[in-house]
Amino acid sequence: MKTCTREQLAVVCILLIVLLPLSLIHLHQALSGERTTYRTTRSIVYEVRGAVKREGFYYFTREQAPGDILKAAGGSNENNPVQPGNQGSAAAVIKNGKKIIFNTGSGSREIRDMDAAARLNFFMPVDINSAAVDDLTLIPAIGQKTAESIARYRQEHRGIRDVQELQTIPGLGEKKLKSLTPYIAVLESPYSMNNKEQE
């Protein structure tokens, strides 16, 4: 039979002293329902389309200028080159959640919001003021009837200024609205929407 030396016994005791409290803390969190949250770097996501070599979705750690986004997409398509003109990285950065369509020839580009399905796929909220009824039905717990009620409320009140307003819609109480808040936001001011309608 093999016996332990004093050094081996000391190592085992030290490990027990260190690991036992950590195990108890972990067990307490598991039993009490507490969860450890980790802070992650916020991803910036762009959808790139048009005359580029590789269309698709691109992630960055910070907002990018059009030239940098074009470069990440492999540059312009050989058959339909985008002129470098105003695509340079000295240009203003583009906000998160945008769809950039690079056009051929003139070097112009269109910048739009990503579609609701893409936004939800990348855990970005949908703008409650501009989402179509079909877009709203993509959100968990919003069916056709609730989506139509939201659209009707939005039209009657000339936009939604705060997500909390939705509590006044039948079927959208405080508890349900709380479950929807990760999926919806007021991204476009109703005032700017009204100005667009008048133009």
C-alpha atoms as a PDB file:
ATOM      1  CA  MET A   1       0.000   0.000   0.000  1.00  0.00           C
ATOM      2  CA  LYS A   2       1.318   3.400  -1.044  1.00  0.00           C
ATOM      3  CA  THR A   3       1.406   6.234   1.526  1.00  0.00           C
ATOM      4  CA  CYS A   4       1.151   9.964   0.881  1.00  0.00           C
ATOM      5  CA  THR A   5       4.038  12.244   1.704  1.00  0.00           C
ATOM      6  CA  ARG A   6       3.571  15.441   3.677  1.00  0.00           C
ATOM      7  CA  GLU A   7       4.003  17.516   0.518  1.00  0.00           C
ATOM      8  CA  GLN A   8       1.296  15.609  -1.328  1.00  0.00           C
ATOM      9  CA  LEU A   9      -1.034  15.941   1.647  1.00  0.00           C
ATOM     10  CA  ALA A  10      -0.343  19.678   1.815  1.00  0.00           C
ATOM     11  CA  VAL A  11      -1.180  20.096  -1.901  1.00  0.00           C
ATOM     12  CA  VAL A  12      -4.461  18.196  -1.465  1.00  0.00           C
ATOM     13  CA  CYS A  13      -5.399  20.356   1.539  1.00  0.00           C
ATOM     14  CA  ILE A  14      -4.631  23.581  -0.347  1.00  0.00           C
ATOM     15  CA  LEU A  15      -6.727  22.439  -3.296  1.00  0.00           C
ATOM     16  CA  LEU A  16      -9.636  21.618  -0.987  1.00  0.00           C
ATOM     17  CA  ILE A  17      -9.355  25.004   0.733  1.00  0.00           C
ATOM     18  CA  VAL A  18      -9.435  26.801  -2.642  1.00  0.00           C
ATOM     19  CA  LEU A  19     -11.938  24.681  -4.554  1.00  0.00           C
ATOM     20  CA  LEU A  20     -14.508  24.002  -1.833  1.00  0.00           C
ATOM     21  CA  PRO A  21     -15.665  27.666  -1.440  1.00  0.00           C
ATOM     22  CA  LEU A  22     -15.816  28.092  -5.233  1.00  0.00           C
ATOM     23  CA  SER A  23     -17.907  24.938  -5.548  1.00  0.00           C
ATOM     24  CA  LEU A  24     -20.259  26.118  -2.817  1.00  0.00           C
ATOM     25  CA  ILE A  25     -20.715  29.508  -4.508  1.00  0.00           C
ATOM     26  CA  HIS A  26     -21.464  27.808  -7.829  1.00  0.00           C
ATOM     27  CA  LEU A  27     -23.938  25.449  -6.160  1.00  0.00           C
ATOM     28  CA  HIS A  28     -25.668  28.360  -4.402  1.00  0.00           C
ATOM     29  CA  GLN A  29     -26.041  30.244  -7.706  1.00  0.00           C
ATOM     30  CA  ALA A  30     -27.438  27.158  -9.420  1.00  0.00           C
ATOM     31  CA  LEU A  31     -29.982  26.529  -6.651  1.00  0.00           C
ATOM     32  CA  SER A  32     -31.058  30.167  -6.322  1.00  0.00           C
ATOM     33  CA  GLY A  33     -31.449  30.674 -10.069  1.00  0.00           C
ATOM     34  CA  GLU A  34     -28.753  33.359 -10.227  1.00  0.00           C
ATOM     35  CA  ARG A  35     -26.809  33.470 -13.438  1.00  0.00           C
ATOM     36  CA  THR A  36     -23.382  34.833 -14.047  1.00  0.00           C
ATOM     37  CA  THR A  37     -23.381  37.307 -16.902  1.00  0.00           C
ATOM     38  CA  TYR A  38     -20.340  38.042 -18.975  1.00  0.00           C
ATOM     39  CA  ARG A  39     -19.799  41.354 -20.666  1.00  0.00           C
ATOM     40  CA  THR A  40     -19.133  40.854 -24.342  1.00  0.00           C
ATOM     41  CA  THR A  41     -17.963  43.278 -26.966  1.00  0.00           C
ATOM     42  CA  ARG A  42     -20.919  44.686 -28.855  1.00  0.00           C
ATOM     43  CA  SER A  43     -20.882  43.502 -32.440  1.00  0.00           C
ATOM     44  CA  ILE A  44     -21.525  45.913 -35.263  1.00  0.00           C
ATOM     45  CA  VAL A  45     -23.287  44.129 -38.128  1.00  0.00           C
ATOM     46  CA  TYR A  46     -23.696  45.283 -41.721  1.00  0.00           C
ATOM     47  CA  GLU A  47     -25.453  43.606 -44.615  1.00  0.00           C
ATOM     48  CA  VAL A  48     -23.478  44.171 -47.821  1.00  0.00           C
ATOM     49  CA  ARG A  49     -25.092  43.803 -51.255  1.00  0.00           C
ATOM     50  CA  GLY A  50     -24.531  44.984 -54.811  1.00  0.00           C
ATOM     51  CA  ALA A  51     -21.367  45.072 -56.874  1.00  0.00           C
ATOM     52  CA  VAL A  52     -19.039  43.403 -54.361  1.00  0.00           C
ATOM     53  CA  LYS A  53     -17.137  40.132 -54.546  1.00  0.00           C
ATOM     54  CA  ARG A  54     -18.704  38.631 -51.405  1.00  0.00           C
ATOM     55  CA  GLU A  55     -22.204  39.726 -50.470  1.00  0.00           C
ATOM     56  CA  GLY A  56     -23.338  38.893 -46.963  1.00  0.00           C
ATOM     57  CA  PHE A  57     -23.271  39.983 -43.349  1.00  0.00           C
ATOM     58  CA  TYR A  58     -20.115  41.405 -41.816  1.00  0.00           C
ATOM     59  CA  TYR A  59     -19.200  41.850 -38.138  1.00  0.00           C
ATOM     60  CA  PHE A  60     -16.963  44.549 -36.711  1.00  0.00           C
ATOM     61  CA  THR A  61     -16.089  45.721 -33.204  1.00  0.00           C
ATOM     62  CA  ARG A  62     -16.767  49.374 -34.107  1.00  0.00           C
ATOM     63  CA  GLU A  63     -18.713  51.268 -36.757  1.00  0.00           C
ATOM     64  CA  GLN A  64     -16.973  51.416 -40.140  1.00  0.00           C
ATOM     65  CA  ALA A  65     -16.609  53.799 -43.072  1.00  0.00           C
ATOM     66  CA  PRO A  66     -17.945  52.667 -46.468  1.00  0.00           C
ATOM     67  CA  GLY A  67     -14.448  52.029 -47.864  1.00  0.00           C
ATOM     68  CA  ASP A  68     -13.608  49.660 -45.028  1.00  0.00           C
ATOM     69  CA  ILE A  69     -16.881  47.783 -45.484  1.00  0.00           C
ATOM     70  CA  LEU A  70     -16.227  47.479 -49.235  1.00  0.00           C
ATOM     71  CA  LYS A  71     -12.727  46.168 -48.499  1.00  0.00           C
ATOM     72  CA  ALA A  72     -14.109  43.568 -46.042  1.00  0.00           C
ATOM     73  CA  ALA A  73     -16.495  42.373 -48.761  1.00  0.00           C
ATOM     74  CA  GLY A  74     -13.523  41.653 -51.025  1.00  0.00           C
ATOM     75  CA  GLY A  75     -13.716  44.875 -52.996  1.00  0.00           C
ATOM     76  CA  SER A  76     -15.835  45.486 -56.045  1.00  0.00           C
ATOM     77  CA  ASN A  77     -17.033  42.767 -58.363  1.00  0.00           C
ATOM     78  CA  GLU A  78     -14.678  42.369 -61.328  1.00  0.00           C
ATOM     79  CA  ASN A  79     -17.594  42.353 -63.789  1.00  0.00           C
ATOM     80  CA  ASN A  80     -19.198  45.455 -62.242  1.00  0.00           C
ATOM     81  CA  PRO A  81     -16.454  47.552 -60.629  1.00  0.00           C
ATOM     82  CA  VAL A  82     -17.326  50.153 -58.020  1.00  0.00           C
ATOM     83  CA  GLN A  83     -15.325  53.311 -58.526  1.00  0.00           C
ATOM     84  CA  PRO A  84     -13.417  54.190 -55.345  1.00  0.00           C
ATOM     85  CA  GLY A  85     -14.688  57.800 -55.467  1.00  0.00           C
ATOM     86  CA  ASN A  86     -16.552  58.453 -52.224  1.00  0.00           C
ATOM     87  CA  GLN A  87     -16.060  55.030 -50.618  1.00  0.00           C
ATOM     88  CA  GLY A  88     -12.833  55.940 -48.817  1.00  0.00           C
ATOM     89  CA  SER A  89     -12.266  55.315 -45.125  1.00  0.00           C
ATOM     90  CA  ALA A  90     -12.086  59.090 -44.523  1.00  0.00           C
ATOM     91  CA  ALA A  91     -15.866  59.207 -45.067  1.00  0.00           C
ATOM     92  CA  ALA A  92     -18.256  59.244 -42.134  1.00  0.00           C
ATOM     93  CA  VAL A  93     -18.920  55.923 -40.436  1.00  0.00           C
ATOM     94  CA  ILE A  94     -22.135  54.001 -41.001  1.00  0.00           C
ATOM     95  CA  LYS A  95     -24.326  53.123 -38.020  1.00  0.00           C
ATOM     96  CA  ASN A  96     -24.914  49.568 -36.836  1.00  0.00           C
ATOM     97  CA  GLY A  97     -27.667  47.465 -38.410  1.00  0.00           C
ATOM     98  CA  LYS A  98     -27.529  49.028 -41.869  1.00  0.00           C
ATOM     99  CA  LYS A  99     -27.765  47.426 -45.298  1.00  0.00           C
ATOM    100  CA  ILE A 100     -25.271  48.923 -47.759  1.00  0.00           C
ATOM    101  CA  ILE A 101     -25.847  48.409 -51.463  1.00  0.00           C
ATOM    102  CA  PHE A 102     -22.802  49.351 -53.524  1.00  0.00           C
ATOM    103  CA  ASN A 103     -23.715  50.514 -57.029  1.00  0.00           C
ATOM    104  CA  THR A 104     -21.542  50.170 -60.105  1.00  0.00           C
ATOM    105  CA  GLY A 105     -19.872  52.946 -62.056  1.00  0.00           C
ATOM    106  CA  SER A 106     -20.420  56.162 -60.110  1.00  0.00           C
ATOM    107  CA  GLY A 107     -19.281  54.736 -56.788  1.00  0.00           C
ATOM    108  CA  SER A 108     -22.581  55.607 -55.157  1.00  0.00           C
ATOM    109  CA  ARG A 109     -24.184  53.521 -52.473  1.00  0.00           C
ATOM    110  CA  GLU A 110     -27.575  53.117 -50.849  1.00  0.00           C
ATOM    111  CA  ILE A 111     -27.821  52.819 -47.095  1.00  0.00           C
ATOM    112  CA  ARG A 112     -30.985  51.376 -45.545  1.00  0.00           C
ATOM    113  CA  ASP A 113     -31.968  49.655 -42.335  1.00  0.00           C
ATOM    114  CA  MET A 114     -31.521  45.892 -42.388  1.00  0.00           C
ATOM    115  CA  ASP A 115     -34.766  43.974 -42.797  1.00  0.00           C
ATOM    116  CA  ALA A 116     -36.594  42.957 -39.625  1.00  0.00           C
ATOM    117  CA  ALA A 117     -35.781  39.258 -40.060  1.00  0.00           C
ATOM    118  CA  ALA A 118     -32.050  40.012 -40.314  1.00  0.00           C
ATOM    119  CA  ARG A 119     -32.152  42.389 -37.349  1.00  0.00           C
ATOM    120  CA  LEU A 120     -33.884  39.795 -35.166  1.00  0.00           C
ATOM    121  CA  ASN A 121     -31.452  37.129 -36.324  1.00  0.00           C
ATOM    122  CA  PHE A 122     -28.573  39.252 -35.044  1.00  0.00           C
ATOM    123  CA  PHE A 123     -30.359  40.138 -31.778  1.00  0.00           C
ATOM    124  CA  MET A 124     -31.029  43.733 -32.778  1.00  0.00           C
ATOM    125  CA  PRO A 125     -34.398  45.311 -32.011  1.00  0.00           C
ATOM    126  CA  VAL A 126     -36.910  46.158 -34.721  1.00  0.00           C
ATOM    127  CA  ASP A 127     -38.102  49.745 -35.035  1.00  0.00           C
ATOM    128  CA  ILE A 128     -41.676  49.724 -33.785  1.00  0.00           C
ATOM    129  CA  ASN A 129     -42.427  52.864 -35.831  1.00  0.00           C
ATOM    130  CA  SER A 130     -41.384  51.527 -39.223  1.00  0.00           C
ATOM    131  CA  ALA A 131     -41.901  47.756 -38.990  1.00  0.00           C
ATOM    132  CA  ALA A 132     -44.589  46.386 -41.291  1.00  0.00           C
ATOM    133  CA  VAL A 133     -47.277  44.075 -39.901  1.00  0.00           C
ATOM    134  CA  ASP A 134     -45.480  41.061 -41.409  1.00  0.00           C
ATOM    135  CA  ASP A 135     -42.240  42.168 -39.726  1.00  0.00           C
ATOM    136  CA  LEU A 136     -43.955  42.465 -36.356  1.00  0.00           C
ATOM    137  CA  THR A 137     -45.258  38.892 -36.629  1.00  0.00           C
ATOM    138  CA  LEU A 138     -41.635  37.688 -36.728  1.00  0.00           C
ATOM    139  CA  ILE A 139     -41.246  38.776 -33.119  1.00  0.00           C
ATOM    140  CA  PRO A 140     -41.919  36.017 -30.581  1.00  0.00           C
ATOM    141  CA  ALA A 141     -45.349  36.327 -28.909  1.00  0.00           C
ATOM    142  CA  ILE A 142     -46.718  38.762 -31.520  1.00  0.00           C
ATOM    143  CA  GLY A 143     -49.332  37.219 -33.740  1.00  0.00           C
ATOM    144  CA  GLN A 144     -51.177  38.686 -36.703  1.00  0.00           C
ATOM    145  CA  LYS A 145     -53.933  40.260 -34.580  1.00  0.00           C
ATOM    146  CA  THR A 146     -51.511  41.954 -32.163  1.00  0.00           C
ATOM    147  CA  ALA A 147     -49.321  43.158 -35.047  1.00  0.00           C
ATOM    148  CA  GLU A 148     -52.361  44.734 -36.718  1.00  0.00           C
ATOM    149  CA  SER A 149     -53.343  46.379 -33.406  1.00  0.00           C
ATOM    150  CA  ILE A 150     -49.851  47.865 -33.071  1.00  0.00           C
ATOM    151  CA  ALA A 151     -49.971  49.199 -36.646  1.00  0.00           C
ATOM    152  CA  ARG A 152     -53.436  50.670 -36.065  1.00  0.00           C
ATOM    153  CA  TYR A 153     -52.316  52.323 -32.790  1.00  0.00           C
ATOM    154  CA  ARG A 154     -49.220  53.703 -34.517  1.00  0.00           C
ATOM    155  CA  GLN A 155     -51.320  55.214 -37.297  1.00  0.00           C
ATOM    156  CA  GLU A 156     -53.955  56.687 -34.961  1.00  0.00           C
ATOM    157  CA  HIS A 157     -51.337  58.282 -32.687  1.00  0.00           C
ATOM    158  CA  ARG A 158     -49.003  59.383 -35.507  1.00  0.00           C
ATOM    159  CA  GLY A 159     -46.210  57.144 -34.282  1.00  0.00           C
ATOM    160  CA  ILE A 160     -45.006  55.667 -31.013  1.00  0.00           C
ATOM    161  CA  ARG A 161     -42.773  57.802 -28.823  1.00  0.00           C
ATOM    162  CA  ASP A 162     -42.079  55.195 -26.137  1.00  0.00           C
ATOM    163  CA  VAL A 163     -42.411  51.399 -26.150  1.00  0.00           C
ATOM    164  CA  GLN A 164     -44.389  51.637 -22.875  1.00  0.00           C
ATOM    165  CA  GLU A 165     -47.298  53.153 -24.854  1.00  0.00           C
ATOM    166  CA  LEU A 166     -48.005  49.666 -26.194  1.00  0.00           C
ATOM    167  CA  GLN A 167     -49.434  48.623 -22.800  1.00  0.00           C
ATOM    168  CA  THR A 168     -52.655  50.397 -23.787  1.00  0.00           C
ATOM    169  CA  ILE A 169     -53.209  47.909 -26.630  1.00  0.00           C
ATOM    170  CA  PRO A 170     -55.486  45.012 -25.608  1.00  0.00           C
ATOM    171  CA  GLY A 171     -53.447  41.838 -25.127  1.00  0.00           C
ATOM    172  CA  LEU A 172     -50.204  43.711 -24.445  1.00  0.00           C
ATOM    173  CA  GLY A 173     -50.009  44.025 -20.698  1.00  0.00           C
ATOM    174  CA  GLU A 174     -46.966  44.866 -18.626  1.00  0.00           C
ATOM    175  CA  LYS A 175     -45.730  41.267 -18.407  1.00  0.00           C
ATOM    176  CA  LYS A 176     -46.010  40.587 -22.146  1.00  0.00           C
ATOM    177  CA  LEU A 177     -44.463  43.942 -23.022  1.00  0.00           C
ATOM    178  CA  LYS A 178     -41.507  43.172 -20.757  1.00  0.00           C
ATOM    179  CA  SER A 179     -40.872  39.964 -22.733  1.00  0.00           C
ATOM    180  CA  LEU A 180     -40.972  41.964 -25.992  1.00  0.00           C
ATOM    181  CA  THR A 181     -38.528  44.718 -25.023  1.00  0.00           C
ATOM    182  CA  PRO A 182     -35.410  42.910 -26.338  1.00  0.00           C
ATOM    183  CA  TYR A 183     -37.050  42.724 -29.771  1.00  0.00           C
ATOM    184  CA  ILE A 184     -38.544  46.197 -30.213  1.00  0.00           C
ATOM    185  CA  ALA A 185     -37.373  49.787 -29.837  1.00  0.00           C
ATOM    186  CA  VAL A 186     -38.198  53.308 -30.954  1.00  0.00           C
ATOM    187  CA  LEU A 187     -35.333  53.775 -33.398  1.00  0.00           C
ATOM    188  CA  GLU A 188     -36.952  56.381 -35.631  1.00  0.00           C
ATOM    189  CA  SER A 189     -38.660  59.348 -34.033  1.00  0.00           C
ATOM    190  CA  PRO A 190     -42.347  59.685 -34.904  1.00  0.00           C
ATOM    191  CA  TYR A 191     -41.657  63.369 -35.594  1.00  0.00           C
ATOM    192  CA  SER A 192     -39.231  62.509 -38.398  1.00  0.00           C
ATOM    193  CA  MET A 193     -41.748  59.993 -39.756  1.00  0.00           C
ATOM    194  CA  ASN A 194     -44.458  62.683 -39.886  1.00  0.00           C
ATOM    195  CA  ASN A 195     -42.106  65.069 -41.696  1.00  0.00           C
ATOM    196  CA  LYS A 196     -41.365  62.360 -44.312  1.00  0.00           C
ATOM    197  CA  GLU A 197     -45.107  61.845 -44.902  1.00  0.00           C
ATOM    198  CA  GLN A 198     -45.610  65.598 -45.490  1.00  0.00           C
ATOM    199  CA  GLU A 199     -42.770  65.867 -48.055  1.00  0.00           C
END
